[in-house]
Amino acid sequence: MSTHGTQAVDRAAHLAALVVKADGALTFSDLCAETGYARSTTSRLLAALERSGLLGRDTTGAWLPGQLFAQYAARRSDDEELARLAQPVMEELGELTGETVNVGVVHGGSVVHIAQVASTYILASRDWVGVEVPAHLSALGKVLFAYHVLELPEGPLERPTKASLGSVRALRAQLPGIRAAGYATTVDELEVGLTGIAAPVVVDGECIAALGLSGPTARLQDQMGALGHTVTRHATTLSTQIGRHRKDGAA
């Protein structure tokens, strides 16, 4: 990027930051005075920020944070509410299995882990909250592919181990079986020695999240079927509780 282009980005970011951090709406004159930018420059940058949804205007024409910020705030609120409702179910699943338990949702085409209950074992899975993992390498991601929450990737797939899926075709071929079984698995696909099992959280016919557990392959490999049904049962319980909560909130 040219120096001029970098300067424009820096100035636009500065304008957006001023508006977002302000206690109230800022007028065009306020922003010109605060930044010292030429009026023509300020006008051009504000128009670009408005088109992108980063900034918006009130009825007087003063500048406010745009719709993207409102959407982000709503998303965070939804995630926090989902994590709160999931906590008792996750704790029960964790107590029953002893393994690390996670809930994942889709944001921006990626799987985001929004809550975790740690394993009771010394040898356990890591803390996945905030860690970005290619969706095809996780059981949570496979569930979200199978239930059409995530779009299938394009191009070659990342293969960190020999067990990792090597193509979108191979991933697509697994999806009908995942829907039929009601849960997805990964064995040594993200890391050698790590296994994951996950099931969909479905509310009003829509998959909104995935509930899963992970742990050492050596400990889980002989009980995959039983654990799959256990995870599915808890995902169904969570689905019911969220559905009931939504109906109670709408009443």
Protein backbone atom coordinates (compact mmCIF):
# COMPACT_ATOMS: atom_id res chain seq x y z
CA MET A 1 0.00 0.00 0.00
CA SER A 2 1.30 3.48 -0.82
CA THR A 3 2.13 6.03 1.84
CA HIS A 4 -0.90 8.04 0.72
CA GLY A 5 -3.15 5.00 1.05
CA THR A 6 -1.79 4.20 4.49
CA GLN A 7 -2.40 7.77 5.60
CA ALA A 8 -6.01 7.59 4.42
CA VAL A 9 -6.58 4.37 6.36
CA ASP A 10 -5.01 5.88 9.49
CA ARG A 11 -7.16 8.99 9.20
CA ALA A 12 -10.35 6.99 8.65
CA ALA A 13 -9.53 4.80 11.67
CA HIS A 14 -8.92 7.93 13.73
CA LEU A 15 -12.31 9.37 12.76
CA ALA A 16 -14.09 6.10 13.54
CA ALA A 17 -12.36 5.85 16.91
CA LEU A 18 -13.35 9.40 17.85
CA VAL A 19 -17.01 8.73 17.06
CA VAL A 20 -17.14 5.36 18.80
CA LYS A 21 -15.44 6.65 21.97
CA ALA A 22 -17.51 9.83 22.20
CA ASP A 23 -20.23 10.14 24.83
CA GLY A 24 -22.69 11.34 22.20
CA ALA A 25 -23.03 12.18 18.52
CA LEU A 26 -20.30 14.37 16.97
CA THR A 27 -20.99 16.96 14.31
CA PHE A 28 -18.99 17.33 11.14
CA SER A 29 -17.51 20.54 12.54
CA ASP A 30 -16.56 18.76 15.78
CA LEU A 31 -14.63 16.14 13.81
CA CYS A 32 -12.87 18.68 11.61
CA ALA A 33 -11.81 20.66 14.67
CA GLU A 34 -10.72 17.56 16.61
CA THR A 35 -8.64 16.06 13.81
CA GLY A 36 -7.42 19.13 12.00
CA TYR A 37 -8.18 17.44 8.67
CA ALA A 38 -9.38 19.49 5.72
CA ARG A 39 -13.16 19.59 5.39
CA SER A 40 -13.00 17.88 2.00
CA THR A 41 -10.82 15.08 3.40
CA THR A 42 -13.06 14.63 6.42
CA SER A 43 -16.17 14.54 4.24
CA ARG A 44 -14.67 11.93 1.92
CA LEU A 45 -13.51 9.68 4.74
CA LEU A 46 -16.80 9.93 6.64
CA ALA A 47 -18.72 9.00 3.50
CA ALA A 48 -16.57 5.88 3.08
CA LEU A 49 -17.05 4.92 6.74
CA GLU A 50 -20.80 5.40 6.38
CA ARG A 51 -20.96 3.21 3.27
CA SER A 52 -19.16 0.43 5.09
CA GLY A 53 -21.53 0.57 8.07
CA LEU A 54 -18.81 1.62 10.49
CA LEU A 55 -20.42 5.02 11.07
CA GLY A 56 -23.93 6.39 10.75
CA ARG A 57 -25.83 9.62 11.35
CA ASP A 58 -28.69 10.66 13.60
CA THR A 59 -31.67 12.77 12.48
CA THR A 60 -29.62 15.97 12.80
CA GLY A 61 -26.79 14.64 10.66
CA ALA A 62 -24.37 14.20 13.57
CA TRP A 63 -22.13 11.12 13.52
CA LEU A 64 -22.66 7.96 15.57
CA PRO A 65 -21.25 4.40 15.55
CA GLY A 66 -22.73 2.51 12.60
CA GLN A 67 -24.82 -0.60 12.24
CA LEU A 68 -21.81 -2.92 12.31
CA PHE A 69 -21.11 -1.93 15.90
CA ALA A 70 -24.74 -2.57 16.85
CA GLN A 71 -24.60 -5.98 15.16
CA TYR A 72 -21.39 -6.83 16.98
CA ALA A 73 -22.86 -5.81 20.33
CA ALA A 74 -25.97 -7.91 19.68
CA ARG A 75 -23.83 -10.88 18.66
CA ARG A 76 -21.75 -10.64 21.84
CA SER A 77 -24.94 -10.44 23.88
CA ASP A 78 -26.34 -13.53 22.14
CA ASP A 79 -23.08 -15.43 22.71
CA GLU A 80 -23.04 -14.52 26.38
CA GLU A 81 -26.64 -15.64 26.80
CA LEU A 82 -25.97 -18.91 24.99
CA ALA A 83 -22.88 -19.54 27.11
CA ARG A 84 -24.90 -18.85 30.28
CA LEU A 85 -27.66 -21.27 29.28
CA ALA A 86 -25.14 -23.89 28.19
CA GLN A 87 -23.08 -23.81 31.37
CA PRO A 88 -25.14 -26.30 33.46
CA VAL A 89 -25.37 -28.75 30.55
CA MET A 90 -21.65 -28.44 29.86
CA GLU A 91 -20.83 -29.00 33.52
CA GLU A 92 -23.02 -32.09 33.61
CA LEU A 93 -21.40 -33.49 30.46
CA GLY A 94 -17.96 -32.69 31.83
CA GLU A 95 -18.71 -34.35 35.17
CA LEU A 96 -20.10 -37.43 33.42
CA THR A 97 -17.18 -37.88 31.01
CA GLY A 98 -14.32 -36.08 32.71
CA GLU A 99 -13.38 -34.50 29.37
CA THR A 100 -13.02 -30.91 28.11
CA VAL A 101 -16.40 -29.59 26.92
CA ASN A 102 -16.98 -26.70 24.49
CA VAL A 103 -19.76 -24.83 22.77
CA GLY A 104 -18.97 -23.36 19.35
CA VAL A 105 -20.84 -20.96 17.08
CA VAL A 106 -20.19 -19.51 13.63
CA HIS A 107 -19.00 -15.93 13.19
CA GLY A 108 -17.54 -14.56 9.99
CA GLY A 109 -17.24 -17.98 8.39
CA SER A 110 -15.23 -19.40 11.31
CA VAL A 111 -16.05 -21.52 14.34
CA VAL A 112 -15.69 -19.57 17.57
CA HIS A 113 -15.52 -21.36 20.92
CA ILE A 114 -17.59 -19.25 23.30
CA ALA A 115 -17.50 -21.38 26.46
CA GLN A 116 -15.52 -24.25 27.94
CA VAL A 117 -15.59 -26.58 30.93
CA ALA A 118 -12.16 -27.96 31.73
CA SER A 119 -11.37 -31.65 31.96
CA THR A 120 -11.03 -33.30 35.35
CA TYR A 121 -8.07 -35.33 34.08
CA ILE A 122 -4.44 -34.24 34.37
CA LEU A 123 -3.93 -35.33 30.75
CA ALA A 124 -6.55 -33.20 29.04
CA SER A 125 -7.39 -31.07 26.05
CA ARG A 126 -6.26 -27.44 26.00
CA ASP A 127 -8.28 -24.27 26.55
CA TRP A 128 -9.91 -23.65 23.16
CA VAL A 129 -11.77 -20.40 23.95
CA GLY A 130 -10.52 -17.75 21.55
CA VAL A 131 -8.38 -20.22 19.58
CA GLU A 132 -9.05 -20.26 15.82
CA VAL A 133 -9.12 -23.78 14.39
CA PRO A 134 -9.84 -24.68 10.74
CA ALA A 135 -13.43 -25.92 10.86
CA HIS A 136 -12.82 -29.12 8.90
CA LEU A 137 -10.35 -30.24 11.59
CA SER A 138 -12.80 -30.00 14.50
CA ALA A 139 -15.87 -32.04 15.38
CA LEU A 140 -17.71 -28.79 16.14
CA GLY A 141 -16.89 -27.50 12.67
CA LYS A 142 -17.98 -30.71 10.96
CA VAL A 143 -21.36 -30.47 12.70
CA LEU A 144 -21.78 -26.89 11.53
CA PHE A 145 -20.89 -27.92 7.97
CA ALA A 146 -23.31 -30.85 8.11
CA TYR A 147 -26.20 -28.66 9.26
CA HIS A 148 -25.48 -25.93 6.69
CA VAL A 149 -24.44 -23.26 9.19
CA LEU A 150 -20.99 -23.09 7.61
CA GLU A 151 -20.37 -22.99 3.88
CA LEU A 152 -17.95 -25.57 2.55
CA PRO A 153 -14.46 -24.16 1.98
CA GLU A 154 -12.91 -23.69 -1.44
CA GLY A 155 -9.54 -24.95 -2.57
CA PRO A 156 -7.20 -27.37 -0.80
CA LEU A 157 -7.65 -28.08 2.91
CA GLU A 158 -4.99 -27.64 5.55
CA ARG A 159 -3.59 -31.03 6.60
CA PRO A 160 -1.58 -30.85 9.84
CA THR A 161 -1.62 -34.66 10.27
CA LYS A 162 -1.90 -37.74 8.06
CA ALA A 163 -5.42 -38.29 9.40
CA SER A 164 -6.65 -34.83 8.30
CA LEU A 165 -9.17 -34.67 5.49
CA GLY A 166 -7.39 -33.92 2.24
CA SER A 167 -10.15 -32.39 0.14
CA VAL A 168 -13.53 -30.69 0.20
CA ARG A 169 -14.87 -33.77 -1.56
CA ALA A 170 -13.80 -35.94 1.38
CA LEU A 171 -15.38 -33.49 3.82
CA ARG A 172 -18.63 -33.38 1.84
CA ALA A 173 -18.77 -37.18 1.80
CA GLN A 174 -18.84 -37.27 5.61
CA LEU A 175 -21.74 -34.88 6.06
CA PRO A 176 -24.69 -37.25 5.35
CA GLY A 177 -23.29 -39.71 7.90
CA ILE A 178 -22.95 -36.96 10.47
CA ARG A 179 -26.58 -35.96 10.01
CA ALA A 180 -27.69 -39.60 10.17
CA ALA A 181 -25.71 -40.35 13.34
CA GLY A 182 -26.52 -37.02 14.98
CA TYR A 183 -22.91 -36.30 15.85
CA ALA A 184 -19.47 -35.78 14.28
CA THR A 185 -16.03 -37.00 15.26
CA THR A 186 -12.41 -36.13 14.58
CA VAL A 187 -9.60 -38.53 15.45
CA ASP A 188 -6.01 -37.26 15.24
CA GLU A 189 -7.07 -34.78 12.53
CA LEU A 190 -6.05 -31.54 14.23
CA GLU A 191 -3.32 -33.02 16.42
CA VAL A 192 -2.06 -36.56 16.69
CA GLY A 193 -3.52 -37.97 19.89
CA LEU A 194 -6.51 -35.61 20.06
CA THR A 195 -10.10 -36.77 19.51
CA GLY A 196 -13.26 -34.66 19.38
CA ILE A 197 -16.97 -35.49 19.38
CA ALA A 198 -19.74 -32.92 18.80
CA ALA A 199 -23.48 -32.67 18.21
CA PRO A 200 -25.79 -29.92 16.96
CA VAL A 201 -27.79 -27.54 19.13
CA VAL A 202 -31.02 -27.10 17.17
CA VAL A 203 -33.74 -24.59 18.04
CA ASP A 204 -36.91 -24.19 15.96
CA GLY A 205 -35.39 -26.36 13.26
CA GLU A 206 -32.21 -24.29 12.98
CA CYS A 207 -28.76 -25.35 14.13
CA ILE A 208 -27.45 -22.42 16.17
CA ALA A 209 -24.36 -23.99 17.76
CA ALA A 210 -22.50 -27.22 18.40
CA LEU A 211 -21.75 -28.87 21.74
CA GLY A 212 -18.71 -31.08 21.93
CA LEU A 213 -16.02 -32.70 24.02
CA SER A 214 -12.38 -33.45 23.34
CA GLY A 215 -9.62 -35.47 24.93
CA PRO A 216 -6.76 -37.89 24.30
CA THR A 217 -7.43 -40.43 21.56
CA ALA A 218 -6.02 -43.22 23.72
CA ARG A 219 -8.72 -42.58 26.32
CA LEU A 220 -11.65 -42.01 23.95
CA GLN A 221 -11.10 -44.34 21.00
CA ASP A 222 -12.79 -47.38 22.56
CA GLN A 223 -15.96 -45.51 23.54
CA MET A 224 -16.67 -43.30 20.55
CA GLY A 225 -20.21 -44.58 19.95
CA ALA A 226 -21.27 -44.30 23.57
CA LEU A 227 -19.74 -40.83 23.89
CA GLY A 228 -21.39 -39.75 20.65
CA HIS A 229 -24.81 -40.65 22.03
CA THR A 230 -23.98 -38.96 25.35
CA VAL A 231 -22.97 -35.73 23.65
CA THR A 232 -26.05 -35.86 21.42
CA ARG A 233 -28.33 -36.33 24.41
CA HIS A 234 -26.85 -33.31 26.16
CA ALA A 235 -27.04 -31.23 22.97
CA THR A 236 -30.73 -32.11 22.74
CA THR A 237 -31.23 -31.05 26.36
CA LEU A 238 -29.52 -27.73 25.66
CA SER A 239 -31.63 -27.25 22.53
CA THR A 240 -34.81 -27.76 24.55
CA GLN A 241 -33.71 -25.36 27.27
CA ILE A 242 -32.81 -22.62 24.79
CA GLY A 243 -36.11 -23.09 22.97
CA ARG A 244 -38.03 -22.82 26.22
CA HIS A 245 -36.03 -19.75 27.23
CA ARG A 246 -36.82 -18.02 23.94
CA LYS A 247 -40.54 -18.77 24.27
CA ASP A 248 -40.58 -17.51 27.85
CA GLY A 249 -38.78 -14.35 26.74
CA ALA A 250 -41.29 -13.75 23.95
CA ALA A 251 -44.28 -14.31 26.22
